[in-house]
Amino acid sequence: VLPVLARHDSGRTVRAVLAELDPALAERARTTAGELNLPHVDVRTG
């Protein structure tokens, strides 16, 4: 999801919830969302 949202014309307006139970993977997704400046991405460890 994240690279597509970062590149797509409307991607940065998408409010995305990413649900992932594994804490290491969820942390990686959360970090990447920050690096890609995607403030509307909510990564939930659950």
PDB file of all heavy atoms in Angstrom:
ATOM      1  N   VAL A   1       0.798  -1.219   0.000  1.00  0.00           N
ATOM      2  CA  VAL A   1       0.000   0.000   0.000  1.00  0.00           C
ATOM      3  C   VAL A   1       0.835   1.277   0.000  1.00  0.00           C
ATOM      4  O   VAL A   1       0.594   2.197  -0.788  1.00  0.00           O
ATOM      5  CB  VAL A   1      -0.942   0.004   1.229  1.00  0.00           C
ATOM      6  CG1 VAL A   1      -1.696   1.316   1.345  1.00  0.00           C
ATOM      7  CG2 VAL A   1      -1.909  -1.177   1.168  1.00  0.00           C
ATOM      8  N   LEU A   2       1.807   1.366   0.892  1.00  0.00           N
ATOM      9  CA  LEU A   2       2.451   2.647   1.177  1.00  0.00           C
ATOM     10  C   LEU A   2       3.167   3.269  -0.024  1.00  0.00           C
ATOM     11  O   LEU A   2       2.993   4.477  -0.279  1.00  0.00           O
ATOM     12  CB  LEU A   2       3.421   2.480   2.356  1.00  0.00           C
ATOM     13  CG  LEU A   2       2.762   2.028   3.674  1.00  0.00           C
ATOM     14  CD1 LEU A   2       3.815   1.837   4.755  1.00  0.00           C
ATOM     15  CD2 LEU A   2       1.695   3.020   4.125  1.00  0.00           C
ATOM     16  N   PRO A   3       3.974   2.523  -0.798  1.00  0.00           N
ATOM     17  CA  PRO A   3       4.627   3.173  -1.941  1.00  0.00           C
ATOM     18  C   PRO A   3       3.627   3.689  -2.967  1.00  0.00           C
ATOM     19  O   PRO A   3       3.864   4.718  -3.611  1.00  0.00           O
ATOM     20  CB  PRO A   3       5.501   2.056  -2.531  1.00  0.00           C
ATOM     21  CG  PRO A   3       5.668   1.060  -1.431  1.00  0.00           C
ATOM     22  CD  PRO A   3       4.397   1.113  -0.651  1.00  0.00           C
ATOM     23  N   VAL A   4       2.493   2.988  -3.123  1.00  0.00           N
ATOM     24  CA  VAL A   4       1.481   3.424  -4.079  1.00  0.00           C
ATOM     25  C   VAL A   4       0.842   4.726  -3.609  1.00  0.00           C
ATOM     26  O   VAL A   4       0.661   5.670  -4.392  1.00  0.00           O
ATOM     27  CB  VAL A   4       0.418   2.331  -4.284  1.00  0.00           C
ATOM     28  CG1 VAL A   4      -0.666   2.820  -5.245  1.00  0.00           C
ATOM     29  CG2 VAL A   4       1.058   1.058  -4.812  1.00  0.00           C
ATOM     30  N   LEU A   5       0.501   4.803  -2.327  1.00  0.00           N
ATOM     31  CA  LEU A   5      -0.086   6.032  -1.812  1.00  0.00           C
ATOM     32  C   LEU A   5       0.882   7.209  -1.970  1.00  0.00           C
ATOM     33  O   LEU A   5       0.466   8.336  -2.250  1.00  0.00           O
ATOM     34  CB  LEU A   5      -0.460   5.873  -0.340  1.00  0.00           C
ATOM     35  CG  LEU A   5      -1.552   4.856  -0.005  1.00  0.00           C
ATOM     36  CD1 LEU A   5      -1.886   4.926   1.487  1.00  0.00           C
ATOM     37  CD2 LEU A   5      -2.800   5.075  -0.839  1.00  0.00           C
ATOM     38  N   ALA A   6       2.168   6.952  -1.782  1.00  0.00           N
ATOM     39  CA  ALA A   6       3.159   8.026  -1.877  1.00  0.00           C
ATOM     40  C   ALA A   6       3.299   8.551  -3.303  1.00  0.00           C
ATOM     41  O   ALA A   6       3.620   9.726  -3.507  1.00  0.00           O
ATOM     42  CB  ALA A   6       4.508   7.531  -1.368  1.00  0.00           C
ATOM     43  N   ARG A   7       3.056   7.693  -4.301  1.00  0.00           N
ATOM     44  CA  ARG A   7       3.271   8.082  -5.692  1.00  0.00           C
ATOM     45  C   ARG A   7       2.005   8.530  -6.412  1.00  0.00           C
ATOM     46  O   ARG A   7       2.084   9.303  -7.360  1.00  0.00           O
ATOM     47  CB  ARG A   7       3.893   6.906  -6.470  1.00  0.00           C
ATOM     48  CG  ARG A   7       5.311   6.572  -6.082  1.00  0.00           C
ATOM     49  CD  ARG A   7       5.947   5.666  -7.118  1.00  0.00           C
ATOM     50  NE  ARG A   7       5.279   4.387  -7.232  1.00  0.00           N
ATOM     51  CZ  ARG A   7       5.666   3.273  -6.615  1.00  0.00           C
ATOM     52  NH1 ARG A   7       6.692   3.308  -5.795  1.00  0.00           N
ATOM     53  NH2 ARG A   7       5.030   2.148  -6.788  1.00  0.00           N
ATOM     54  N   HIS A   8       0.881   8.036  -5.976  1.00  0.00           N
ATOM     55  CA  HIS A   8      -0.360   8.306  -6.700  1.00  0.00           C
ATOM     56  C   HIS A   8      -0.818   9.746  -6.475  1.00  0.00           C
ATOM     57  O   HIS A   8      -0.652  10.306  -5.389  1.00  0.00           O
ATOM     58  CB  HIS A   8      -1.449   7.335  -6.246  1.00  0.00           C
ATOM     59  CG  HIS A   8      -2.620   7.265  -7.165  1.00  0.00           C
ATOM     60  ND1 HIS A   8      -3.670   8.168  -7.120  1.00  0.00           N
ATOM     61  CD2 HIS A   8      -2.915   6.397  -8.175  1.00  0.00           C
ATOM     62  CE1 HIS A   8      -4.557   7.855  -8.046  1.00  0.00           C
ATOM     63  NE2 HIS A   8      -4.129   6.793  -8.700  1.00  0.00           N
ATOM     64  N   ASP A   9      -1.434  10.337  -7.494  1.00  0.00           N
ATOM     65  CA  ASP A   9      -1.871  11.735  -7.408  1.00  0.00           C
ATOM     66  C   ASP A   9      -2.795  11.972  -6.216  1.00  0.00           C
ATOM     67  O   ASP A   9      -2.722  13.015  -5.573  1.00  0.00           O
ATOM     68  CB  ASP A   9      -2.589  12.148  -8.697  1.00  0.00           C
ATOM     69  CG  ASP A   9      -1.640  12.271  -9.879  1.00  0.00           C
ATOM     70  OD1 ASP A   9      -0.421  12.336  -9.634  1.00  0.00           O
ATOM     71  OD2 ASP A   9      -2.120  12.289 -11.026  1.00  0.00           O
ATOM     72  N   SER A  10      -3.684  11.006  -5.934  1.00  0.00           N
ATOM     73  CA  SER A  10      -4.630  11.177  -4.826  1.00  0.00           C
ATOM     74  C   SER A  10      -4.235  10.390  -3.578  1.00  0.00           C
ATOM     75  O   SER A  10      -4.981  10.359  -2.603  1.00  0.00           O
ATOM     76  CB  SER A  10      -6.033  10.734  -5.271  1.00  0.00           C
ATOM     77  OG  SER A  10      -6.051   9.347  -5.561  1.00  0.00           O
ATOM     78  N   GLY A  11      -3.051   9.770  -3.617  1.00  0.00           N
ATOM     79  CA  GLY A  11      -2.673   8.865  -2.539  1.00  0.00           C
ATOM     80  C   GLY A  11      -2.542   9.519  -1.182  1.00  0.00           C
ATOM     81  O   GLY A  11      -2.879   8.928  -0.157  1.00  0.00           O
ATOM     82  N   ARG A  12      -2.062  10.763  -1.148  1.00  0.00           N
ATOM     83  CA  ARG A  12      -1.823  11.411   0.145  1.00  0.00           C
ATOM     84  C   ARG A  12      -3.112  11.900   0.800  1.00  0.00           C
ATOM     85  O   ARG A  12      -3.089  12.321   1.954  1.00  0.00           O
ATOM     86  CB  ARG A  12      -0.830  12.567  -0.025  1.00  0.00           C
ATOM     87  CG  ARG A  12       0.535  12.069  -0.452  1.00  0.00           C
ATOM     88  CD  ARG A  12       1.593  13.147  -0.475  1.00  0.00           C
ATOM     89  NE  ARG A  12       2.822  12.626  -1.045  1.00  0.00           N
ATOM     90  CZ  ARG A  12       3.704  11.897  -0.377  1.00  0.00           C
ATOM     91  NH1 ARG A  12       3.503  11.632   0.905  1.00  0.00           N
ATOM     92  NH2 ARG A  12       4.803  11.463  -0.959  1.00  0.00           N
ATOM     93  N   THR A  13      -4.217  11.825   0.085  1.00  0.00           N
ATOM     94  CA  THR A  13      -5.497  12.184   0.695  1.00  0.00           C
ATOM     95  C   THR A  13      -6.222  10.958   1.248  1.00  0.00           C
ATOM     96  O   THR A  13      -7.258  11.095   1.900  1.00  0.00           O
ATOM     97  CB  THR A  13      -6.410  12.884  -0.322  1.00  0.00           C
ATOM     98  OG1 THR A  13      -6.804  11.960  -1.338  1.00  0.00           O
ATOM     99  CG2 THR A  13      -5.703  14.079  -0.950  1.00  0.00           C
ATOM    100  N   VAL A  14      -5.700   9.766   0.982  1.00  0.00           N
ATOM    101  CA  VAL A  14      -6.336   8.532   1.445  1.00  0.00           C
ATOM    102  C   VAL A  14      -6.109   8.370   2.948  1.00  0.00           C
ATOM    103  O   VAL A  14      -4.973   8.482   3.434  1.00  0.00           O
ATOM    104  CB  VAL A  14      -5.779   7.312   0.693  1.00  0.00           C
ATOM    105  CG1 VAL A  14      -6.324   6.019   1.284  1.00  0.00           C
ATOM    106  CG2 VAL A  14      -6.101   7.406  -0.792  1.00  0.00           C
ATOM    107  N   ARG A  15      -7.186   8.106   3.661  1.00  0.00           N
ATOM    108  CA  ARG A  15      -7.089   7.781   5.088  1.00  0.00           C
ATOM    109  C   ARG A  15      -7.057   6.263   5.204  1.00  0.00           C
ATOM    110  O   ARG A  15      -8.070   5.597   4.978  1.00  0.00           O
ATOM    111  CB  ARG A  15      -8.255   8.388   5.854  1.00  0.00           C
ATOM    112  CG  ARG A  15      -8.228   9.912   5.837  1.00  0.00           C
ATOM    113  CD  ARG A  15      -9.211  10.530   6.803  1.00  0.00           C
ATOM    114  NE  ARG A  15      -9.053  11.976   6.832  1.00  0.00           N
ATOM    115  CZ  ARG A  15      -8.177  12.630   7.583  1.00  0.00           C
ATOM    116  NH1 ARG A  15      -7.380  11.936   8.394  1.00  0.00           N
ATOM    117  NH2 ARG A  15      -8.093  13.943   7.537  1.00  0.00           N
ATOM    118  N   ALA A  16      -5.883   5.750   5.514  1.00  0.00           N
ATOM    119  CA  ALA A  16      -5.661   4.309   5.477  1.00  0.00           C
ATOM    120  C   ALA A  16      -5.440   3.759   6.874  1.00  0.00           C
ATOM    121  O   ALA A  16      -4.714   4.350   7.689  1.00  0.00           O
ATOM    122  CB  ALA A  16      -4.443   3.988   4.606  1.00  0.00           C
ATOM    123  N   VAL A  17      -6.065   2.631   7.156  1.00  0.00           N
ATOM    124  CA  VAL A  17      -5.828   1.877   8.383  1.00  0.00           C
ATOM    125  C   VAL A  17      -5.193   0.554   7.977  1.00  0.00           C
ATOM    126  O   VAL A  17      -5.778  -0.221   7.212  1.00  0.00           O
ATOM    127  CB  VAL A  17      -7.128   1.632   9.159  1.00  0.00           C
ATOM    128  CG1 VAL A  17      -6.882   0.667  10.313  1.00  0.00           C
ATOM    129  CG2 VAL A  17      -7.692   2.950   9.680  1.00  0.00           C
ATOM    130  N   LEU A  18      -3.978   0.303   8.461  1.00  0.00           N
ATOM    131  CA  LEU A  18      -3.261  -0.932   8.193  1.00  0.00           C
ATOM    132  C   LEU A  18      -3.238  -1.749   9.482  1.00  0.00           C
ATOM    133  O   LEU A  18      -2.691  -1.304  10.494  1.00  0.00           O
ATOM    134  CB  LEU A  18      -1.829  -0.662   7.729  1.00  0.00           C
ATOM    135  CG  LEU A  18      -1.599  -0.320   6.251  1.00  0.00           C
ATOM    136  CD1 LEU A  18      -2.403   0.903   5.819  1.00  0.00           C
ATOM    137  CD2 LEU A  18      -0.115  -0.118   5.969  1.00  0.00           C
ATOM    138  N   ALA A  19      -3.847  -2.927   9.459  1.00  0.00           N
ATOM    139  CA  ALA A  19      -3.920  -3.789  10.634  1.00  0.00           C
ATOM    140  C   ALA A  19      -2.920  -4.927  10.491  1.00  0.00           C
ATOM    141  O   ALA A  19      -2.967  -5.683   9.518  1.00  0.00           O
ATOM    142  CB  ALA A  19      -5.326  -4.342  10.801  1.00  0.00           C
ATOM    143  N   GLU A  20      -2.016  -5.043  11.451  1.00  0.00           N
ATOM    144  CA  GLU A  20      -0.983  -6.078  11.420  1.00  0.00           C
ATOM    145  C   GLU A  20      -0.665  -6.518  12.850  1.00  0.00           C
ATOM    146  O   GLU A  20      -0.355  -5.686  13.704  1.00  0.00           O
ATOM    147  CB  GLU A  20       0.274  -5.559  10.735  1.00  0.00           C
ATOM    148  CG  GLU A  20       1.481  -6.475  10.820  1.00  0.00           C
ATOM    149  CD  GLU A  20       1.188  -7.884  10.302  1.00  0.00           C
ATOM    150  OE1 GLU A  20       0.612  -8.008   9.205  1.00  0.00           O
ATOM    151  OE2 GLU A  20       1.542  -8.852  11.022  1.00  0.00           O
ATOM    152  N   LEU A  21      -0.724  -7.817  13.087  1.00  0.00           N
ATOM    153  CA  LEU A  21      -0.526  -8.329  14.433  1.00  0.00           C
ATOM    154  C   LEU A  21       0.948  -8.411  14.832  1.00  0.00           C
ATOM    155  O   LEU A  21       1.291  -8.220  16.001  1.00  0.00           O
ATOM    156  CB  LEU A  21      -1.167  -9.723  14.549  1.00  0.00           C
ATOM    157  CG  LEU A  21      -1.161 -10.386  15.918  1.00  0.00           C
ATOM    158  CD1 LEU A  21      -1.838  -9.514  16.963  1.00  0.00           C
ATOM    159  CD2 LEU A  21      -1.832 -11.752  15.849  1.00  0.00           C
ATOM    160  N   ASP A  22       1.819  -8.697  13.880  1.00  0.00           N
ATOM    161  CA  ASP A  22       3.240  -8.831  14.205  1.00  0.00           C
ATOM    162  C   ASP A  22       3.834  -7.463  14.539  1.00  0.00           C
ATOM    163  O   ASP A  22       3.818  -6.555  13.699  1.00  0.00           O
ATOM    164  CB  ASP A  22       3.989  -9.443  13.021  1.00  0.00           C
ATOM    165  CG  ASP A  22       5.423  -9.785  13.366  1.00  0.00           C
ATOM    166  OD1 ASP A  22       6.229  -8.849  13.534  1.00  0.00           O
ATOM    167  OD2 ASP A  22       5.726 -10.979  13.478  1.00  0.00           O
ATOM    168  N   PRO A  23       4.356  -7.266  15.738  1.00  0.00           N
ATOM    169  CA  PRO A  23       4.816  -5.931  16.138  1.00  0.00           C
ATOM    170  C   PRO A  23       6.015  -5.428  15.342  1.00  0.00           C
ATOM    171  O   PRO A  23       6.135  -4.218  15.111  1.00  0.00           O
ATOM    172  CB  PRO A  23       5.162  -6.096  17.626  1.00  0.00           C
ATOM    173  CG  PRO A  23       5.383  -7.553  17.825  1.00  0.00           C
ATOM    174  CD  PRO A  23       4.480  -8.254  16.842  1.00  0.00           C
ATOM    175  N   ALA A  24       6.889  -6.329  14.914  1.00  0.00           N
ATOM    176  CA  ALA A  24       8.047  -5.887  14.124  1.00  0.00           C
ATOM    177  C   ALA A  24       7.609  -5.363  12.761  1.00  0.00           C
ATOM    178  O   ALA A  24       8.086  -4.329  12.293  1.00  0.00           O
ATOM    179  CB  ALA A  24       9.043  -7.035  13.976  1.00  0.00           C
ATOM    180  N   LEU A  25       6.713  -6.086  12.114  1.00  0.00           N
ATOM    181  CA  LEU A  25       6.226  -5.643  10.809  1.00  0.00           C
ATOM    182  C   LEU A  25       5.407  -4.366  10.931  1.00  0.00           C
ATOM    183  O   LEU A  25       5.507  -3.462  10.098  1.00  0.00           O
ATOM    184  CB  LEU A  25       5.390  -6.749  10.162  1.00  0.00           C
ATOM    185  CG  LEU A  25       6.157  -8.009   9.769  1.00  0.00           C
ATOM    186  CD1 LEU A  25       5.202  -9.084   9.274  1.00  0.00           C
ATOM    187  CD2 LEU A  25       7.222  -7.705   8.717  1.00  0.00           C
ATOM    188  N   ALA A  26       4.583  -4.279  11.966  1.00  0.00           N
ATOM    189  CA  ALA A  26       3.797  -3.064  12.166  1.00  0.00           C
ATOM    190  C   ALA A  26       4.706  -1.865  12.397  1.00  0.00           C
ATOM    191  O   ALA A  26       4.463  -0.769  11.865  1.00  0.00           O
ATOM    192  CB  ALA A  26       2.843  -3.243  13.348  1.00  0.00           C
ATOM    193  N   GLU A  27       5.779  -2.046  13.160  1.00  0.00           N
ATOM    194  CA  GLU A  27       6.708  -0.937  13.380  1.00  0.00           C
ATOM    195  C   GLU A  27       7.374  -0.524  12.070  1.00  0.00           C
ATOM    196  O   GLU A  27       7.546   0.667  11.787  1.00  0.00           O
ATOM    197  CB  GLU A  27       7.779  -1.324  14.396  1.00  0.00           C
ATOM    198  CG  GLU A  27       8.726  -0.174  14.694  1.00  0.00           C
ATOM    199  CD  GLU A  27      10.003  -0.601  15.391  1.00  0.00           C
ATOM    200  OE1 GLU A  27      10.386  -1.783  15.278  1.00  0.00           O
ATOM    201  OE2 GLU A  27      10.626   0.259  16.023  1.00  0.00           O
ATOM    202  N   ARG A  28       7.725  -1.503  11.253  1.00  0.00           N
ATOM    203  CA  ARG A  28       8.345  -1.199   9.961  1.00  0.00           C
ATOM    204  C   ARG A  28       7.390  -0.391   9.088  1.00  0.00           C
ATOM    205  O   ARG A  28       7.785   0.580   8.430  1.00  0.00           O
ATOM    206  CB  ARG A  28       8.759  -2.499   9.268  1.00  0.00           C
ATOM    207  CG  ARG A  28       9.711  -2.314   8.115  1.00  0.00           C
ATOM    208  CD  ARG A  28      10.046  -3.636   7.463  1.00  0.00           C
ATOM    209  NE  ARG A  28      10.679  -4.566   8.385  1.00  0.00           N
ATOM    210  CZ  ARG A  28      11.001  -5.817   8.059  1.00  0.00           C
ATOM    211  NH1 ARG A  28      10.727  -6.277   6.845  1.00  0.00           N
ATOM    212  NH2 ARG A  28      11.578  -6.596   8.940  1.00  0.00           N
ATOM    213  N   ALA A  29       6.109  -0.803   9.071  1.00  0.00           N
ATOM    214  CA  ALA A  29       5.123  -0.061   8.274  1.00  0.00           C
ATOM    215  C   ALA A  29       4.947   1.357   8.806  1.00  0.00           C
ATOM    216  O   ALA A  29       4.870   2.320   8.041  1.00  0.00           O
ATOM    217  CB  ALA A  29       3.784  -0.803   8.300  1.00  0.00           C
ATOM    218  N   ARG A  30       4.910   1.486  10.116  1.00  0.00           N
ATOM    219  CA  ARG A  30       4.722   2.803  10.732  1.00  0.00           C
ATOM    220  C   ARG A  30       5.905   3.713  10.391  1.00  0.00           C
ATOM    221  O   ARG A  30       5.728   4.899  10.061  1.00  0.00           O
ATOM    222  CB  ARG A  30       4.582   2.618  12.241  1.00  0.00           C
ATOM    223  CG  ARG A  30       3.854   3.718  12.978  1.00  0.00           C
ATOM    224  CD  ARG A  30       3.604   3.312  14.422  1.00  0.00           C
ATOM    225  NE  ARG A  30       2.570   2.299  14.520  1.00  0.00           N
ATOM    226  CZ  ARG A  30       2.763   1.062  14.999  1.00  0.00           C
ATOM    227  NH1 ARG A  30       3.964   0.687  15.401  1.00  0.00           N
ATOM    228  NH2 ARG A  30       1.762   0.209  15.044  1.00  0.00           N
ATOM    229  N   THR A  31       7.101   3.177  10.451  1.00  0.00           N
ATOM    230  CA  THR A  31       8.296   3.953  10.125  1.00  0.00           C
ATOM    231  C   THR A  31       8.294   4.373   8.661  1.00  0.00           C
ATOM    232  O   THR A  31       8.602   5.523   8.319  1.00  0.00           O
ATOM    233  CB  THR A  31       9.557   3.127  10.438  1.00  0.00           C
ATOM    234  OG1 THR A  31       9.579   2.815  11.839  1.00  0.00           O
ATOM    235  CG2 THR A  31      10.816   3.895  10.070  1.00  0.00           C
ATOM    236  N   THR A  32       7.934   3.431   7.779  1.00  0.00           N
ATOM    237  CA  THR A  32       7.914   3.738   6.353  1.00  0.00           C
ATOM    238  C   THR A  32       6.879   4.800   6.031  1.00  0.00           C
ATOM    239  O   THR A  32       7.132   5.709   5.223  1.00  0.00           O
ATOM    240  CB  THR A  32       7.623   2.465   5.539  1.00  0.00           C
ATOM    241  OG1 THR A  32       8.641   1.502   5.818  1.00  0.00           O
ATOM    242  CG2 THR A  32       7.600   2.765   4.054  1.00  0.00           C
ATOM    243  N   ALA A  33       5.701   4.724   6.663  1.00  0.00           N
ATOM    244  CA  ALA A  33       4.677   5.751   6.436  1.00  0.00           C
ATOM    245  C   ALA A  33       5.209   7.130   6.807  1.00  0.00           C
ATOM    246  O   ALA A  33       4.950   8.119   6.105  1.00  0.00           O
ATOM    247  CB  ALA A  33       3.420   5.432   7.237  1.00  0.00           C
ATOM    248  N   GLY A  34       5.976   7.207   7.892  1.00  0.00           N
ATOM    249  CA  GLY A  34       6.573   8.480   8.278  1.00  0.00           C
ATOM    250  C   GLY A  34       7.616   8.945   7.276  1.00  0.00           C
ATOM    251  O   GLY A  34       7.660  10.128   6.914  1.00  0.00           O
ATOM    252  N   GLU A  35       8.459   8.015   6.820  1.00  0.00           N
ATOM    253  CA  GLU A  35       9.505   8.372   5.864  1.00  0.00           C
ATOM    254  C   GLU A  35       8.908   8.834   4.533  1.00  0.00           C
ATOM    255  O   GLU A  35       9.494   9.659   3.829  1.00  0.00           O
ATOM    256  CB  GLU A  35      10.429   7.179   5.650  1.00  0.00           C
ATOM    257  CG  GLU A  35      11.275   6.842   6.874  1.00  0.00           C
ATOM    258  CD  GLU A  35      12.037   5.538   6.710  1.00  0.00           C
ATOM    259  OE1 GLU A  35      11.725   4.770   5.783  1.00  0.00           O
ATOM    260  OE2 GLU A  35      12.937   5.282   7.534  1.00  0.00           O
ATOM    261  N   LEU A  36       7.744   8.298   4.184  1.00  0.00           N
ATOM    262  CA  LEU A  36       7.086   8.674   2.935  1.00  0.00           C
ATOM    263  C   LEU A  36       6.143   9.859   3.106  1.00  0.00           C
ATOM    264  O   LEU A  36       5.457  10.245   2.155  1.00  0.00           O
ATOM    265  CB  LEU A  36       6.312   7.480   2.370  1.00  0.00           C
ATOM    266  CG  LEU A  36       7.157   6.293   1.886  1.00  0.00           C
ATOM    267  CD1 LEU A  36       6.265   5.145   1.459  1.00  0.00           C
ATOM    268  CD2 LEU A  36       8.069   6.715   0.737  1.00  0.00           C
ATOM    269  N   ASN A  37       6.104  10.423   4.310  1.00  0.00           N
ATOM    270  CA  ASN A  37       5.263  11.587   4.596  1.00  0.00           C
ATOM    271  C   ASN A  37       3.801  11.299   4.268  1.00  0.00           C
ATOM    272  O   ASN A  37       3.150  12.004   3.494  1.00  0.00           O
ATOM    273  CB  ASN A  37       5.751  12.812   3.819  1.00  0.00           C
ATOM    274  CG  ASN A  37       5.063  14.096   4.279  1.00  0.00           C
ATOM    275  OD1 ASN A  37       4.609  14.197   5.422  1.00  0.00           O
ATOM    276  ND2 ASN A  37       4.977  15.070   3.385  1.00  0.00           N
ATOM    277  N   LEU A  38       3.288  10.228   4.885  1.00  0.00           N
ATOM    278  CA  LEU A  38       1.896   9.830   4.719  1.00  0.00           C
ATOM    279  C   LEU A  38       1.185  10.006   6.071  1.00  0.00           C
ATOM    280  O   LEU A  38       0.992   9.048   6.811  1.00  0.00           O
ATOM    281  CB  LEU A  38       1.805   8.384   4.239  1.00  0.00           C
ATOM    282  CG  LEU A  38       2.380   8.098   2.842  1.00  0.00           C
ATOM    283  CD1 LEU A  38       2.472   6.601   2.588  1.00  0.00           C
ATOM    284  CD2 LEU A  38       1.549   8.781   1.760  1.00  0.00           C
ATOM    285  N   PRO A  39       0.783  11.219   6.400  1.00  0.00           N
ATOM    286  CA  PRO A  39       0.248  11.488   7.738  1.00  0.00           C
ATOM    287  C   PRO A  39      -1.122  10.877   7.988  1.00  0.00           C
ATOM    288  O   PRO A  39      -1.545  10.767   9.148  1.00  0.00           O
ATOM    289  CB  PRO A  39       0.154  13.026   7.774  1.00  0.00           C
ATOM    290  CG  PRO A  39       0.005  13.433   6.335  1.00  0.00           C
ATOM    291  CD  PRO A  39       0.830  12.439   5.568  1.00  0.00           C
ATOM    292  N   HIS A  40      -1.821  10.458   6.933  1.00  0.00           N
ATOM    293  CA  HIS A  40      -3.161   9.906   7.120  1.00  0.00           C
ATOM    294  C   HIS A  40      -3.159   8.385   7.189  1.00  0.00           C
ATOM    295  O   HIS A  40      -4.223   7.767   7.102  1.00  0.00           O
ATOM    296  CB  HIS A  40      -4.080  10.369   5.989  1.00  0.00           C
ATOM    297  CG  HIS A  40      -4.212  11.852   5.898  1.00  0.00           C
ATOM    298  ND1 HIS A  40      -4.556  12.644   6.966  1.00  0.00           N
ATOM    299  CD2 HIS A  40      -4.030  12.701   4.845  1.00  0.00           C
ATOM    300  CE1 HIS A  40      -4.586  13.904   6.591  1.00  0.00           C
ATOM    301  NE2 HIS A  40      -4.265  13.966   5.314  1.00  0.00           N
ATOM    302  N   VAL A  41      -1.983   7.788   7.351  1.00  0.00           N
ATOM    303  CA  VAL A  41      -1.873   6.336   7.494  1.00  0.00           C
ATOM    304  C   VAL A  41      -1.788   5.992   8.975  1.00  0.00           C
ATOM    305  O   VAL A  41      -0.937   6.510   9.700  1.00  0.00           O
ATOM    306  CB  VAL A  41      -0.637   5.788   6.747  1.00  0.00           C
ATOM    307  CG1 VAL A  41      -0.409   4.318   7.090  1.00  0.00           C
ATOM    308  CG2 VAL A  41      -0.812   5.955   5.243  1.00  0.00           C
ATOM    309  N   ASP A  42      -2.674   5.129   9.409  1.00  0.00           N
ATOM    310  CA  ASP A  42      -2.736   4.685  10.796  1.00  0.00           C
ATOM    311  C   ASP A  42      -2.419   3.196  10.830  1.00  0.00           C
ATOM    312  O   ASP A  42      -3.233   2.369  10.408  1.00  0.00           O
ATOM    313  CB  ASP A  42      -4.150   4.957  11.346  1.00  0.00           C
ATOM    314  CG  ASP A  42      -4.328   4.512  12.793  1.00  0.00           C
ATOM    315  OD1 ASP A  42      -3.335   4.107  13.422  1.00  0.00           O
ATOM    316  OD2 ASP A  42      -5.480   4.565  13.280  1.00  0.00           O
ATOM    317  N   VAL A  43      -1.223   2.845  11.300  1.00  0.00           N
ATOM    318  CA  VAL A  43      -0.815   1.445  11.408  1.00  0.00           C
ATOM    319  C   VAL A  43      -1.188   0.949  12.801  1.00  0.00           C
ATOM    320  O   VAL A  43      -0.729   1.507  13.798  1.00  0.00           O
ATOM    321  CB  VAL A  43       0.687   1.262  11.150  1.00  0.00           C
ATOM    322  CG1 VAL A  43       1.070  -0.210  11.270  1.00  0.00           C
ATOM    323  CG2 VAL A  43       1.076   1.802   9.777  1.00  0.00           C
ATOM    324  N   ARG A  44      -1.997  -0.085  12.862  1.00  0.00           N
ATOM    325  CA  ARG A  44      -2.470  -0.608  14.139  1.00  0.00           C
ATOM    326  C   ARG A  44      -1.923  -2.004  14.375  1.00  0.00           C
ATOM    327  O   ARG A  44      -2.099  -2.897  13.538  1.00  0.00           O
ATOM    328  CB  ARG A  44      -4.005  -0.629  14.155  1.00  0.00           C
ATOM    329  CG  ARG A  44      -4.600   0.755  13.950  1.00  0.00           C
ATOM    330  CD  ARG A  44      -6.110   0.747  13.992  1.00  0.00           C
ATOM    331  NE  ARG A  44      -6.627   2.096  13.742  1.00  0.00           N
ATOM    332  CZ  ARG A  44      -7.920   2.415  13.708  1.00  0.00           C
ATOM    333  NH1 ARG A  44      -8.837   1.468  13.927  1.00  0.00           N
ATOM    334  NH2 ARG A  44      -8.290   3.654  13.480  1.00  0.00           N
ATOM    335  N   THR A  45      -1.241  -2.178  15.491  1.00  0.00           N
ATOM    336  CA  THR A  45      -0.743  -3.489  15.860  1.00  0.00           C
ATOM    337  C   THR A  45      -1.886  -4.238  16.524  1.00  0.00           C
ATOM    338  O   THR A  45      -2.191  -4.034  17.702  1.00  0.00           O
ATOM    339  CB  THR A  45       0.456  -3.373  16.816  1.00  0.00           C
ATOM    340  OG1 THR A  45       1.441  -2.512  16.232  1.00  0.00           O
ATOM    341  CG2 THR A  45       1.069  -4.741  17.085  1.00  0.00           C
ATOM    342  N   GLY A  46      -2.542  -5.067  15.748  1.00  0.00           N
ATOM    343  CA  GLY A  46      -3.713  -5.761  16.253  1.00  0.00           C
ATOM    344  C   GLY A  46      -4.130  -6.873  15.319  1.00  0.00           C
ATOM    345  O   GLY A  46      -3.621  -7.004  14.202  1.00  0.00           O
TER     346      GLY A  46
END
